[in-house]
Structure formats: C-alpha cells, structure tokens
C-alpha cells in the first residue's frame, strides 16, 4: 500500500506557497529541505486547519473587488 502525504508549506516572510526542495537543504530547522523560490527563506507548515479538512474557505462578497 502506497501512502501519499501532502504538505501545505508557506513562506513566513513573503507568504508565498511556491518552493523548491533539495536534499542539500535538509537540516534540523528545515526537515523538508524546502526553500521559497522568491526570497529563499525556509518554508514552514501552513497552520490553516480548513485546508487539512478539505473545507472551502468563504470570502465575504463585500471584500472581493473585481474592478
């Protein structure tokens, strides 16, 4: 049986979710070897519980502007 684990990583500096991984970057502070492609910061696990439970995040229509 094959288990696939999905990690939701986020940059603590620029809030980006795009990263690259390298086995050269694995350390005690960066166990996944993931760095942001924009600012090169170490990525952290995203702490949004809605993503882990598959819930849809609703945005109030008053905050959305399409102009």
N, C-alpha and C. Protein backbone atom coordinates (compact mmCIF):
# COMPACT_ATOMS: atom_id res chain seq x y z
N UNK A 1 0.84 -1.18 0.00
CA UNK A 1 0.00 0.00 0.00
C UNK A 1 0.88 1.24 0.00
N UNK A 2 0.58 2.19 -0.88
CA UNK A 2 1.35 3.41 -1.01
C UNK A 2 0.62 4.56 -0.34
N UNK A 3 1.31 5.28 0.52
CA UNK A 3 0.73 6.41 1.22
C UNK A 3 1.31 7.69 0.64
N UNK A 4 0.45 8.61 0.22
CA UNK A 4 0.90 9.89 -0.31
C UNK A 4 0.56 10.97 0.72
N UNK A 5 1.57 11.70 1.14
CA UNK A 5 1.39 12.76 2.11
C UNK A 5 1.52 14.10 1.40
N UNK A 6 0.57 14.98 1.62
CA UNK A 6 0.61 16.31 1.04
C UNK A 6 0.94 17.31 2.13
N UNK A 7 1.97 18.11 1.90
CA UNK A 7 2.34 19.14 2.85
C UNK A 7 1.91 20.49 2.31
N UNK A 8 1.34 21.31 3.17
CA UNK A 8 0.97 22.67 2.81
C UNK A 8 2.00 23.59 3.46
N UNK A 9 2.96 24.05 2.66
CA UNK A 9 4.03 24.88 3.17
C UNK A 9 3.81 26.33 2.76
N UNK A 10 4.24 27.25 3.63
CA UNK A 10 4.08 28.68 3.37
C UNK A 10 5.33 29.41 3.84
N UNK A 11 5.73 30.43 3.09
CA UNK A 11 6.90 31.22 3.46
C UNK A 11 6.52 32.19 4.58
N UNK A 12 7.29 32.24 5.65
CA UNK A 12 6.98 33.16 6.76
C UNK A 12 7.28 34.62 6.41
N UNK A 13 8.08 34.87 5.39
CA UNK A 13 8.45 36.25 5.04
C UNK A 13 7.52 36.86 4.01
N UNK A 14 7.35 36.19 2.86
CA UNK A 14 6.57 36.78 1.77
C UNK A 14 5.22 36.10 1.56
N UNK A 15 4.87 35.13 2.38
CA UNK A 15 3.58 34.42 2.34
C UNK A 15 3.35 33.62 1.06
N UNK A 16 4.40 33.35 0.30
CA UNK A 16 4.30 32.57 -0.92
C UNK A 16 4.13 31.08 -0.58
N UNK A 17 3.56 30.34 -1.49
CA UNK A 17 3.44 28.89 -1.29
C UNK A 17 4.23 28.13 -2.35
N UNK A 18 5.09 28.83 -3.08
CA UNK A 18 5.91 28.19 -4.11
C UNK A 18 7.31 27.98 -3.56
N UNK A 19 7.79 26.74 -3.69
CA UNK A 19 9.07 26.40 -3.10
C UNK A 19 9.78 25.35 -3.93
N UNK A 20 11.04 25.16 -3.63
CA UNK A 20 11.81 24.07 -4.21
C UNK A 20 12.38 23.25 -3.07
N UNK A 21 12.63 21.99 -3.32
CA UNK A 21 13.21 21.13 -2.29
C UNK A 21 14.56 20.63 -2.77
N UNK A 22 15.44 20.41 -1.81
CA UNK A 22 16.76 19.88 -2.11
C UNK A 22 17.24 19.09 -0.90
N UNK A 23 17.86 17.96 -1.16
CA UNK A 23 18.39 17.17 -0.04
C UNK A 23 19.58 17.87 0.60
N UNK A 24 20.19 18.85 -0.10
CA UNK A 24 21.29 19.62 0.47
C UNK A 24 20.79 20.62 1.52
N UNK A 25 19.51 20.99 1.47
CA UNK A 25 18.95 21.97 2.40
C UNK A 25 18.30 21.35 3.63
N UNK A 26 18.29 20.04 3.74
CA UNK A 26 17.68 19.38 4.90
C UNK A 26 18.55 19.60 6.13
N UNK A 27 17.91 20.08 7.20
CA UNK A 27 18.61 20.31 8.47
C UNK A 27 17.60 20.17 9.60
N UNK A 28 18.04 20.42 10.82
CA UNK A 28 17.13 20.37 11.96
C UNK A 28 16.07 21.46 11.87
N UNK A 29 16.42 22.61 11.29
CA UNK A 29 15.48 23.72 11.15
C UNK A 29 14.63 23.60 9.89
N UNK A 30 15.09 22.81 8.92
CA UNK A 30 14.39 22.63 7.65
C UNK A 30 14.29 21.14 7.32
N UNK A 31 13.42 20.41 8.03
CA UNK A 31 13.38 18.95 7.85
C UNK A 31 12.88 18.50 6.47
N UNK A 32 12.19 19.37 5.74
CA UNK A 32 11.69 19.00 4.41
C UNK A 32 12.61 19.45 3.30
N UNK A 33 13.60 20.27 3.61
CA UNK A 33 14.53 20.76 2.60
C UNK A 33 13.87 21.72 1.64
N UNK A 34 12.84 22.45 2.09
CA UNK A 34 12.08 23.34 1.23
C UNK A 34 12.47 24.80 1.47
N UNK A 35 12.72 25.53 0.35
CA UNK A 35 13.02 26.96 0.42
C UNK A 35 12.13 27.70 -0.56
N UNK A 36 11.73 28.91 -0.19
CA UNK A 36 10.91 29.78 -1.02
C UNK A 36 11.67 30.12 -2.30
N UNK A 37 10.98 30.10 -3.45
CA UNK A 37 11.66 30.42 -4.70
C UNK A 37 11.85 31.92 -4.88
N UNK A 38 11.17 32.74 -4.10
CA UNK A 38 11.27 34.18 -4.24
C UNK A 38 12.30 34.80 -3.31
N UNK A 39 12.21 34.50 -2.01
CA UNK A 39 13.11 35.14 -1.05
C UNK A 39 14.10 34.17 -0.39
N UNK A 40 14.04 32.90 -0.75
CA UNK A 40 14.98 31.87 -0.26
C UNK A 40 14.87 31.59 1.23
N UNK A 41 13.73 31.93 1.84
CA UNK A 41 13.52 31.62 3.26
C UNK A 41 13.10 30.17 3.42
N UNK A 42 13.28 29.64 4.61
CA UNK A 42 12.87 28.27 4.90
C UNK A 42 11.36 28.23 5.04
N UNK A 43 10.73 27.32 4.34
CA UNK A 43 9.27 27.20 4.37
C UNK A 43 8.82 26.57 5.68
N UNK A 44 7.61 26.95 6.11
CA UNK A 44 7.02 26.41 7.33
C UNK A 44 5.68 25.78 6.99
N UNK A 45 5.25 24.83 7.81
CA UNK A 45 3.94 24.22 7.61
C UNK A 45 2.85 25.26 7.76
N UNK A 46 1.89 25.25 6.84
CA UNK A 46 0.76 26.17 6.91
C UNK A 46 -0.16 25.70 8.02
N UNK A 47 -0.59 26.62 8.86
CA UNK A 47 -1.41 26.25 10.02
C UNK A 47 -2.89 26.52 9.80
N UNK A 48 -3.36 26.54 8.56
CA UNK A 48 -4.77 26.78 8.27
C UNK A 48 -5.51 25.45 8.35
N UNK A 49 -6.32 25.21 9.39
CA UNK A 49 -6.99 23.92 9.55
C UNK A 49 -8.04 23.65 8.48
N UNK A 50 -8.55 24.67 7.80
CA UNK A 50 -9.55 24.47 6.76
C UNK A 50 -8.95 23.70 5.59
N UNK A 51 -7.67 23.89 5.33
CA UNK A 51 -7.03 23.18 4.23
C UNK A 51 -6.89 21.69 4.53
N UNK A 52 -6.63 21.36 5.78
CA UNK A 52 -6.41 19.97 6.14
C UNK A 52 -7.69 19.16 6.16
N UNK A 53 -8.83 19.80 6.41
CA UNK A 53 -10.10 19.10 6.47
C UNK A 53 -10.88 19.19 5.18
N UNK A 54 -10.31 19.85 4.15
CA UNK A 54 -10.95 19.95 2.87
C UNK A 54 -12.14 20.88 2.84
N UNK A 55 -12.22 21.79 3.79
CA UNK A 55 -13.33 22.73 3.83
C UNK A 55 -13.07 23.88 2.86
N UNK A 56 -14.12 24.40 2.28
CA UNK A 56 -13.99 25.54 1.40
C UNK A 56 -13.95 26.81 2.23
N UNK A 57 -13.02 27.69 1.90
CA UNK A 57 -12.91 28.95 2.62
C UNK A 57 -13.79 29.98 1.90
N UNK A 58 -14.73 30.56 2.61
CA UNK A 58 -15.64 31.53 2.05
C UNK A 58 -15.08 32.95 2.25
N UNK A 59 -15.12 33.75 1.20
CA UNK A 59 -14.71 35.13 1.28
C UNK A 59 -15.96 35.99 1.17
N UNK A 60 -16.18 36.90 2.11
CA UNK A 60 -17.35 37.77 2.01
C UNK A 60 -17.32 38.59 0.72
N UNK A 61 -18.47 38.70 0.05
CA UNK A 61 -18.52 39.38 -1.25
C UNK A 61 -18.20 40.86 -1.12
N UNK A 62 -18.36 41.44 0.06
CA UNK A 62 -18.05 42.86 0.25
C UNK A 62 -16.54 43.10 0.16
N UNK A 63 -15.73 42.07 0.45
CA UNK A 63 -14.28 42.24 0.41
C UNK A 63 -13.69 41.97 -0.97
N UNK A 64 -14.46 41.35 -1.85
CA UNK A 64 -13.96 40.98 -3.17
C UNK A 64 -14.26 42.12 -4.13
N UNK A 65 -13.25 42.63 -4.78
CA UNK A 65 -13.43 43.70 -5.75
C UNK A 65 -12.92 43.23 -7.11
N UNK A 66 -13.76 43.31 -8.12
CA UNK A 66 -13.39 42.86 -9.47
C UNK A 66 -13.19 44.03 -10.42
N UNK A 67 -12.78 45.15 -9.92
CA UNK A 67 -12.60 46.32 -10.81
C UNK A 67 -11.19 46.41 -11.33
